[in-house]
Amino acid sequence: AINPPEPSAIEPSKPVKKSAELIKLMIHGVVVPKARPRVARNGTYLPPRYRAWRNRAEVEIYRQISEQNITHKFPLRKAALLIRLLGNHRTNSDIDNLAGACLDALTLNGAGVLIDDRLSCLPQLNVEFDPDAKETGVYIEIEPL
């Protein structure tokens, strides 16, 4: 005699964990690496080329954030970040200086997206470089935690 299989107990459905809302930004053009402050008789200043890039990046971040329907309150207190450098950037630049420039543009003294770039606020940071991308710029993906 063949015994039919016993019906398996049906597990109650688990609540689906809502995935965090990703914030995606694209800043076109070559990223200017983070520069050391220069000291002069009249005080400390950042090089004009770096200041110009950072100001342009901050304006672009503001514009893109205002166009997205983001429900998070800014500045974010904790987030995971992906920075993907695309295209033709100076390959003799340190990757940490390129990422640092992007982080400076995102923090409270910049566009105000992140409260800070300390470890307690930014526990996960991935930086990638894709020299074969068709356009030059930086793609930033922010996952609020």
N, C-alpha and C. Protein backbone atom coordinates (compact mmCIF):
# COMPACT_ATOMS: atom_id res chain seq x y z
N ALA A 1 0.84 -1.17 0.00
CA ALA A 1 0.00 0.00 0.00
C ALA A 1 0.89 1.24 0.00
N ILE A 2 0.44 2.22 -0.73
CA ILE A 2 1.18 3.48 -0.82
C ILE A 2 0.51 4.49 0.09
N ASN A 3 1.32 5.04 0.98
CA ASN A 3 0.78 6.05 1.88
C ASN A 3 1.00 7.43 1.28
N PRO A 4 -0.05 8.25 1.23
CA PRO A 4 0.13 9.61 0.70
C PRO A 4 1.00 10.42 1.67
N PRO A 5 1.77 11.37 1.15
CA PRO A 5 2.60 12.19 2.04
C PRO A 5 1.74 13.03 2.97
N GLU A 6 2.24 13.20 4.18
CA GLU A 6 1.50 14.02 5.13
C GLU A 6 1.61 15.49 4.74
N PRO A 7 0.54 16.21 4.88
CA PRO A 7 0.61 17.63 4.54
C PRO A 7 1.58 18.34 5.50
N SER A 8 2.39 19.20 4.92
CA SER A 8 3.35 19.93 5.75
C SER A 8 2.65 21.12 6.41
N ALA A 9 3.15 21.43 7.57
CA ALA A 9 2.58 22.57 8.29
C ALA A 9 2.92 23.84 7.52
N ILE A 10 1.95 24.66 7.30
CA ILE A 10 2.17 25.92 6.58
C ILE A 10 2.62 26.96 7.59
N GLU A 11 3.79 27.53 7.31
CA GLU A 11 4.32 28.56 8.21
C GLU A 11 3.58 29.87 7.97
N PRO A 12 3.29 30.56 9.06
CA PRO A 12 2.66 31.87 8.85
C PRO A 12 3.62 32.77 8.09
N SER A 13 3.05 33.59 7.24
CA SER A 13 3.91 34.46 6.43
C SER A 13 4.63 35.45 7.33
N LYS A 14 5.93 35.58 7.05
CA LYS A 14 6.75 36.52 7.82
C LYS A 14 6.56 37.90 7.21
N PRO A 15 6.54 38.90 8.06
CA PRO A 15 6.40 40.24 7.49
C PRO A 15 7.61 40.56 6.62
N VAL A 16 7.34 41.12 5.47
CA VAL A 16 8.41 41.46 4.55
C VAL A 16 9.12 42.70 5.10
N LYS A 17 10.43 42.58 5.25
CA LYS A 17 11.21 43.71 5.75
C LYS A 17 11.25 44.77 4.65
N LYS A 18 10.80 45.94 5.01
CA LYS A 18 10.79 47.03 4.04
C LYS A 18 12.23 47.44 3.75
N SER A 19 12.61 47.40 2.48
CA SER A 19 13.96 47.81 2.15
C SER A 19 14.07 49.33 2.26
N ALA A 20 15.21 49.76 2.69
CA ALA A 20 15.42 51.19 2.87
C ALA A 20 15.35 51.91 1.53
N GLU A 21 14.87 53.10 1.58
CA GLU A 21 14.76 53.93 0.38
C GLU A 21 16.17 54.38 -0.03
N LEU A 22 16.58 53.98 -1.23
CA LEU A 22 17.90 54.36 -1.72
C LEU A 22 17.84 55.76 -2.33
N ILE A 23 18.87 56.53 -2.06
CA ILE A 23 19.00 57.85 -2.65
C ILE A 23 20.11 57.74 -3.68
N LYS A 24 19.78 58.01 -4.94
CA LYS A 24 20.74 57.87 -6.03
C LYS A 24 21.05 59.24 -6.63
N LEU A 25 22.35 59.52 -6.73
CA LEU A 25 22.80 60.81 -7.25
C LEU A 25 23.85 60.59 -8.33
N MET A 26 23.89 61.47 -9.31
CA MET A 26 24.90 61.42 -10.36
C MET A 26 25.44 62.83 -10.57
N ILE A 27 26.74 62.99 -10.36
CA ILE A 27 27.38 64.29 -10.58
C ILE A 27 28.31 64.11 -11.78
N HIS A 28 28.02 64.80 -12.86
CA HIS A 28 28.78 64.66 -14.10
C HIS A 28 30.08 65.46 -14.03
N GLY A 29 31.07 64.97 -14.74
CA GLY A 29 32.36 65.66 -14.82
C GLY A 29 33.41 65.01 -13.95
N VAL A 30 34.63 65.46 -14.12
CA VAL A 30 35.78 64.92 -13.38
C VAL A 30 35.73 65.39 -11.93
N VAL A 31 35.90 64.45 -11.00
CA VAL A 31 35.95 64.79 -9.57
C VAL A 31 37.34 65.36 -9.26
N VAL A 32 37.37 66.49 -8.58
CA VAL A 32 38.64 67.09 -8.15
C VAL A 32 38.96 66.50 -6.78
N PRO A 33 40.14 65.88 -6.63
CA PRO A 33 40.48 65.25 -5.36
C PRO A 33 40.47 66.24 -4.20
N LYS A 34 40.13 65.73 -3.01
CA LYS A 34 40.14 66.55 -1.81
C LYS A 34 41.54 67.11 -1.61
N ALA A 35 41.59 68.40 -1.34
CA ALA A 35 42.88 69.08 -1.21
C ALA A 35 43.15 69.44 0.24
N ARG A 36 44.41 69.51 0.58
CA ARG A 36 44.80 69.99 1.91
C ARG A 36 44.58 71.50 1.96
N PRO A 37 44.13 71.97 3.10
CA PRO A 37 44.01 73.43 3.24
C PRO A 37 45.39 74.08 3.10
N ARG A 38 45.44 75.21 2.44
CA ARG A 38 46.68 75.96 2.27
C ARG A 38 46.74 77.04 3.35
N VAL A 39 47.93 77.26 3.87
CA VAL A 39 48.11 78.28 4.91
C VAL A 39 48.88 79.44 4.31
N ALA A 40 48.33 80.64 4.49
CA ALA A 40 48.96 81.86 3.98
C ALA A 40 48.95 82.90 5.10
N ARG A 41 49.54 84.03 4.81
CA ARG A 41 49.56 85.10 5.81
C ARG A 41 48.16 85.52 6.23
N ASN A 42 47.23 85.50 5.27
CA ASN A 42 45.87 85.97 5.55
C ASN A 42 44.95 84.88 6.09
N GLY A 43 45.48 83.71 6.37
CA GLY A 43 44.66 82.64 6.92
C GLY A 43 44.77 81.36 6.10
N THR A 44 43.83 80.47 6.34
CA THR A 44 43.81 79.16 5.69
C THR A 44 42.73 79.16 4.61
N TYR A 45 43.03 78.53 3.49
CA TYR A 45 42.05 78.47 2.40
C TYR A 45 42.23 77.16 1.64
N LEU A 46 41.18 76.78 0.89
CA LEU A 46 41.24 75.61 0.01
C LEU A 46 41.53 76.10 -1.40
N PRO A 47 42.24 75.30 -2.20
CA PRO A 47 42.55 75.72 -3.57
C PRO A 47 41.27 76.03 -4.36
N PRO A 48 41.32 77.04 -5.22
CA PRO A 48 40.13 77.46 -5.98
C PRO A 48 39.51 76.35 -6.83
N ARG A 49 40.34 75.52 -7.44
CA ARG A 49 39.82 74.44 -8.29
C ARG A 49 38.97 73.46 -7.48
N TYR A 50 39.44 73.11 -6.28
CA TYR A 50 38.68 72.20 -5.41
C TYR A 50 37.41 72.87 -4.92
N ARG A 51 37.50 74.14 -4.50
CA ARG A 51 36.32 74.87 -4.03
C ARG A 51 35.26 74.96 -5.12
N ALA A 52 35.68 75.22 -6.36
CA ALA A 52 34.73 75.34 -7.48
C ALA A 52 34.02 74.00 -7.72
N TRP A 53 34.79 72.90 -7.70
CA TRP A 53 34.16 71.58 -7.91
C TRP A 53 33.18 71.28 -6.79
N ARG A 54 33.58 71.53 -5.56
CA ARG A 54 32.72 71.21 -4.42
C ARG A 54 31.44 72.03 -4.45
N ASN A 55 31.54 73.32 -4.77
CA ASN A 55 30.33 74.15 -4.87
C ASN A 55 29.39 73.64 -5.94
N ARG A 56 29.96 73.26 -7.10
CA ARG A 56 29.13 72.73 -8.19
C ARG A 56 28.47 71.41 -7.77
N ALA A 57 29.22 70.55 -7.08
CA ALA A 57 28.69 69.27 -6.63
C ALA A 57 27.57 69.47 -5.61
N GLU A 58 27.74 70.40 -4.69
CA GLU A 58 26.71 70.67 -3.68
C GLU A 58 25.41 71.16 -4.32
N VAL A 59 25.51 72.05 -5.30
CA VAL A 59 24.33 72.56 -6.00
C VAL A 59 23.63 71.40 -6.73
N GLU A 60 24.40 70.54 -7.37
CA GLU A 60 23.83 69.40 -8.09
C GLU A 60 23.16 68.43 -7.13
N ILE A 61 23.75 68.20 -5.97
CA ILE A 61 23.14 67.32 -4.97
C ILE A 61 21.83 67.90 -4.48
N TYR A 62 21.81 69.20 -4.14
CA TYR A 62 20.57 69.87 -3.74
C TYR A 62 19.49 69.69 -4.81
N ARG A 63 19.86 69.95 -6.06
CA ARG A 63 18.90 69.88 -7.16
C ARG A 63 18.31 68.48 -7.28
N GLN A 64 19.17 67.47 -7.29
CA GLN A 64 18.69 66.10 -7.47
C GLN A 64 17.86 65.62 -6.29
N ILE A 65 18.23 65.99 -5.09
CA ILE A 65 17.46 65.58 -3.90
C ILE A 65 16.08 66.23 -3.93
N SER A 66 16.02 67.49 -4.33
CA SER A 66 14.72 68.18 -4.36
C SER A 66 13.80 67.60 -5.44
N GLU A 67 14.36 67.00 -6.47
CA GLU A 67 13.55 66.40 -7.53
C GLU A 67 13.04 65.00 -7.18
N GLN A 68 13.67 64.35 -6.20
CA GLN A 68 13.27 63.02 -5.80
C GLN A 68 12.23 63.11 -4.68
N ASN A 69 11.38 62.12 -4.61
CA ASN A 69 10.35 62.08 -3.57
C ASN A 69 10.92 61.31 -2.37
N ILE A 70 11.77 61.97 -1.59
CA ILE A 70 12.47 61.32 -0.49
C ILE A 70 11.74 61.62 0.82
N THR A 71 11.46 60.56 1.57
CA THR A 71 10.71 60.72 2.82
C THR A 71 11.62 60.87 4.04
N HIS A 72 12.92 60.67 3.87
CA HIS A 72 13.84 60.77 5.00
C HIS A 72 14.07 62.23 5.38
N LYS A 73 14.36 62.42 6.66
CA LYS A 73 14.67 63.75 7.16
C LYS A 73 16.18 63.93 7.09
N PHE A 74 16.60 65.07 6.57
CA PHE A 74 18.03 65.37 6.43
C PHE A 74 18.47 66.32 7.53
N PRO A 75 19.70 66.22 7.97
CA PRO A 75 20.75 65.30 7.55
C PRO A 75 20.56 63.90 8.15
N LEU A 76 20.97 62.90 7.38
CA LEU A 76 20.88 61.51 7.84
C LEU A 76 21.90 61.28 8.94
N ARG A 77 21.49 60.58 9.98
CA ARG A 77 22.39 60.29 11.11
C ARG A 77 23.26 59.06 10.87
N LYS A 78 22.78 58.13 10.03
CA LYS A 78 23.53 56.90 9.76
C LYS A 78 23.17 56.42 8.36
N ALA A 79 24.17 56.05 7.59
CA ALA A 79 23.93 55.62 6.21
C ALA A 79 25.06 54.75 5.71
N ALA A 80 24.74 53.94 4.71
CA ALA A 80 25.74 53.17 3.98
C ALA A 80 25.88 53.84 2.62
N LEU A 81 27.10 53.92 2.12
CA LEU A 81 27.36 54.69 0.90
C LEU A 81 28.11 53.86 -0.13
N LEU A 82 27.73 54.05 -1.38
CA LEU A 82 28.47 53.51 -2.52
C LEU A 82 28.87 54.70 -3.37
N ILE A 83 30.16 54.84 -3.62
CA ILE A 83 30.67 55.89 -4.50
C ILE A 83 31.31 55.18 -5.69
N ARG A 84 30.78 55.42 -6.89
CA ARG A 84 31.32 54.78 -8.09
C ARG A 84 31.84 55.87 -9.02
N LEU A 85 33.16 55.92 -9.15
CA LEU A 85 33.81 56.88 -10.04
C LEU A 85 33.77 56.30 -11.45
N LEU A 86 33.20 57.06 -12.37
CA LEU A 86 32.97 56.57 -13.72
C LEU A 86 33.80 57.36 -14.73
N GLY A 87 34.39 56.65 -15.69
CA GLY A 87 35.03 57.32 -16.81
C GLY A 87 36.44 57.78 -16.57
N ASN A 88 36.74 58.94 -17.16
CA ASN A 88 38.11 59.43 -17.28
C ASN A 88 38.49 60.36 -16.14
N HIS A 89 38.94 59.80 -15.02
CA HIS A 89 39.45 60.60 -13.89
C HIS A 89 40.97 60.49 -13.88
N ARG A 90 41.62 61.41 -13.19
CA ARG A 90 43.07 61.34 -13.07
C ARG A 90 43.44 60.07 -12.33
N THR A 91 44.19 59.21 -12.97
CA THR A 91 44.53 57.93 -12.35
C THR A 91 45.70 58.05 -11.38
N ASN A 92 46.34 59.22 -11.32
CA ASN A 92 47.41 59.38 -10.34
C ASN A 92 46.88 59.97 -9.03
N SER A 93 45.57 60.14 -8.92
CA SER A 93 44.95 60.64 -7.69
C SER A 93 44.71 59.48 -6.74
N ASP A 94 44.85 59.73 -5.45
CA ASP A 94 44.51 58.72 -4.45
C ASP A 94 43.00 58.56 -4.40
N ILE A 95 42.55 57.31 -4.35
CA ILE A 95 41.11 57.06 -4.34
C ILE A 95 40.46 57.62 -3.08
N ASP A 96 41.19 57.65 -1.96
CA ASP A 96 40.61 58.20 -0.74
C ASP A 96 40.40 59.71 -0.85
N ASN A 97 41.23 60.41 -1.63
CA ASN A 97 41.02 61.85 -1.83
C ASN A 97 39.84 62.12 -2.75
N LEU A 98 39.61 61.25 -3.74
CA LEU A 98 38.44 61.40 -4.61
C LEU A 98 37.16 61.13 -3.81
N ALA A 99 37.18 60.05 -3.01
CA ALA A 99 36.01 59.74 -2.17
C ALA A 99 35.80 60.84 -1.13
N GLY A 100 36.89 61.35 -0.56
CA GLY A 100 36.80 62.41 0.44
C GLY A 100 36.15 63.67 -0.10
N ALA A 101 36.43 64.00 -1.35
CA ALA A 101 35.79 65.16 -1.97
C ALA A 101 34.28 64.96 -2.06
N CYS A 102 33.86 63.75 -2.43
CA CYS A 102 32.43 63.44 -2.52
C CYS A 102 31.78 63.49 -1.14
N LEU A 103 32.46 62.95 -0.13
CA LEU A 103 31.92 62.97 1.23
C LEU A 103 31.80 64.41 1.75
N ASP A 104 32.80 65.23 1.46
CA ASP A 104 32.74 66.64 1.88
C ASP A 104 31.52 67.34 1.28
N ALA A 105 31.21 67.03 0.04
CA ALA A 105 30.06 67.65 -0.62
C ALA A 105 28.74 67.18 -0.01
N LEU A 106 28.72 65.98 0.59
CA LEU A 106 27.49 65.42 1.15
C LEU A 106 27.24 65.80 2.60
N THR A 107 28.27 66.17 3.35
CA THR A 107 28.10 66.37 4.78
C THR A 107 27.48 67.72 5.12
N LEU A 108 27.31 67.94 6.42
CA LEU A 108 26.60 69.12 6.93
C LEU A 108 27.21 70.43 6.45
N ASN A 109 28.52 70.49 6.33
CA ASN A 109 29.17 71.70 5.82
C ASN A 109 29.03 71.84 4.31
N GLY A 110 28.52 70.79 3.66
CA GLY A 110 28.28 70.82 2.22
C GLY A 110 26.78 70.89 1.95
N ALA A 111 26.27 69.86 1.27
CA ALA A 111 24.86 69.83 0.90
C ALA A 111 23.94 69.44 2.06
N GLY A 112 24.49 68.93 3.15
CA GLY A 112 23.67 68.61 4.33
C GLY A 112 22.90 67.31 4.23
N VAL A 113 23.35 66.37 3.41
CA VAL A 113 22.67 65.08 3.28
C VAL A 113 23.06 64.18 4.46
N LEU A 114 24.34 64.17 4.81
CA LEU A 114 24.85 63.37 5.94
C LEU A 114 25.24 64.30 7.07
N ILE A 115 25.01 63.86 8.30
CA ILE A 115 25.38 64.70 9.43
C ILE A 115 26.89 64.80 9.57
N ASP A 116 27.61 63.73 9.18
CA ASP A 116 29.06 63.72 9.29
C ASP A 116 29.58 62.51 8.52
N ASP A 117 30.90 62.44 8.33
CA ASP A 117 31.47 61.28 7.67
C ASP A 117 32.32 60.44 8.62
N ARG A 118 32.04 60.56 9.93
CA ARG A 118 32.73 59.73 10.93
C ARG A 118 32.22 58.29 10.85
N LEU A 119 32.96 57.37 11.44
CA LEU A 119 32.58 55.96 11.43
C LEU A 119 31.23 55.72 12.07
N SER A 120 30.89 56.45 13.12
CA SER A 120 29.62 56.25 13.78
C SER A 120 28.43 56.63 12.89
N CYS A 121 28.65 57.51 11.94
CA CYS A 121 27.59 57.94 11.03
C CYS A 121 27.63 57.20 9.70
N LEU A 122 28.79 56.71 9.33
CA LEU A 122 28.99 56.07 8.03
C LEU A 122 29.70 54.73 8.22
N PRO A 123 28.98 53.71 8.73
CA PRO A 123 29.62 52.44 9.03
C PRO A 123 30.00 51.62 7.80
N GLN A 124 29.45 51.97 6.64
CA GLN A 124 29.76 51.21 5.43
C GLN A 124 30.01 52.17 4.28
N LEU A 125 31.18 52.02 3.64
CA LEU A 125 31.56 52.86 2.51
C LEU A 125 32.23 51.98 1.47
N ASN A 126 31.68 51.95 0.27
CA ASN A 126 32.28 51.22 -0.85
C ASN A 126 32.65 52.24 -1.91
N VAL A 127 33.88 52.15 -2.39
CA VAL A 127 34.35 53.04 -3.45
C VAL A 127 34.82 52.18 -4.61
N GLU A 128 34.29 52.45 -5.80
CA GLU A 128 34.64 51.69 -7.00
C GLU A 128 35.07 52.64 -8.10
N PHE A 129 35.87 52.13 -9.03
CA PHE A 129 36.33 52.92 -10.17
C PHE A 129 36.06 52.12 -11.43
N ASP A 130 35.30 52.70 -12.36
CA ASP A 130 34.99 52.06 -13.64
C ASP A 130 35.51 52.96 -14.76
N PRO A 131 36.77 52.74 -15.21
CA PRO A 131 37.35 53.61 -16.23
C PRO A 131 36.71 53.43 -17.61
N ASP A 132 35.97 52.34 -17.81
CA ASP A 132 35.39 52.05 -19.12
C ASP A 132 33.98 52.61 -19.29
N ALA A 133 33.47 53.32 -18.29
CA ALA A 133 32.12 53.90 -18.40
C ALA A 133 32.09 54.93 -19.53
N LYS A 134 30.93 55.05 -20.16
CA LYS A 134 30.80 55.96 -21.31
C LYS A 134 30.84 57.43 -20.91
N GLU A 135 30.34 57.75 -19.72
CA GLU A 135 30.37 59.14 -19.29
C GLU A 135 31.23 59.28 -18.04
N THR A 136 31.79 60.46 -17.86
CA THR A 136 32.66 60.73 -16.71
C THR A 136 31.86 61.43 -15.63
N GLY A 137 32.01 60.95 -14.43
CA GLY A 137 31.33 61.55 -13.29
C GLY A 137 31.42 60.64 -12.08
N VAL A 138 30.57 60.91 -11.12
CA VAL A 138 30.52 60.06 -9.92
C VAL A 138 29.06 59.74 -9.63
N TYR A 139 28.80 58.45 -9.44
CA TYR A 139 27.48 57.95 -9.07
C TYR A 139 27.54 57.66 -7.58
N ILE A 140 26.58 58.18 -6.83
CA ILE A 140 26.54 57.99 -5.38
C ILE A 140 25.19 57.38 -5.01
N GLU A 141 25.27 56.30 -4.23
CA GLU A 141 24.07 55.64 -3.75
C GLU A 141 24.11 55.65 -2.23
N ILE A 142 23.06 56.20 -1.62
CA ILE A 142 23.00 56.34 -0.17
C ILE A 142 21.85 55.49 0.36
N GLU A 143 22.17 54.61 1.30
CA GLU A 143 21.14 53.80 1.94
C GLU A 143 21.03 54.22 3.41
N PRO A 144 19.96 54.94 3.76
CA PRO A 144 19.80 55.34 5.16
C PRO A 144 19.66 54.10 6.04
N LEU A 145 20.30 54.11 7.18
CA LEU A 145 20.25 52.97 8.12
C LEU A 145 19.46 53.34 9.37
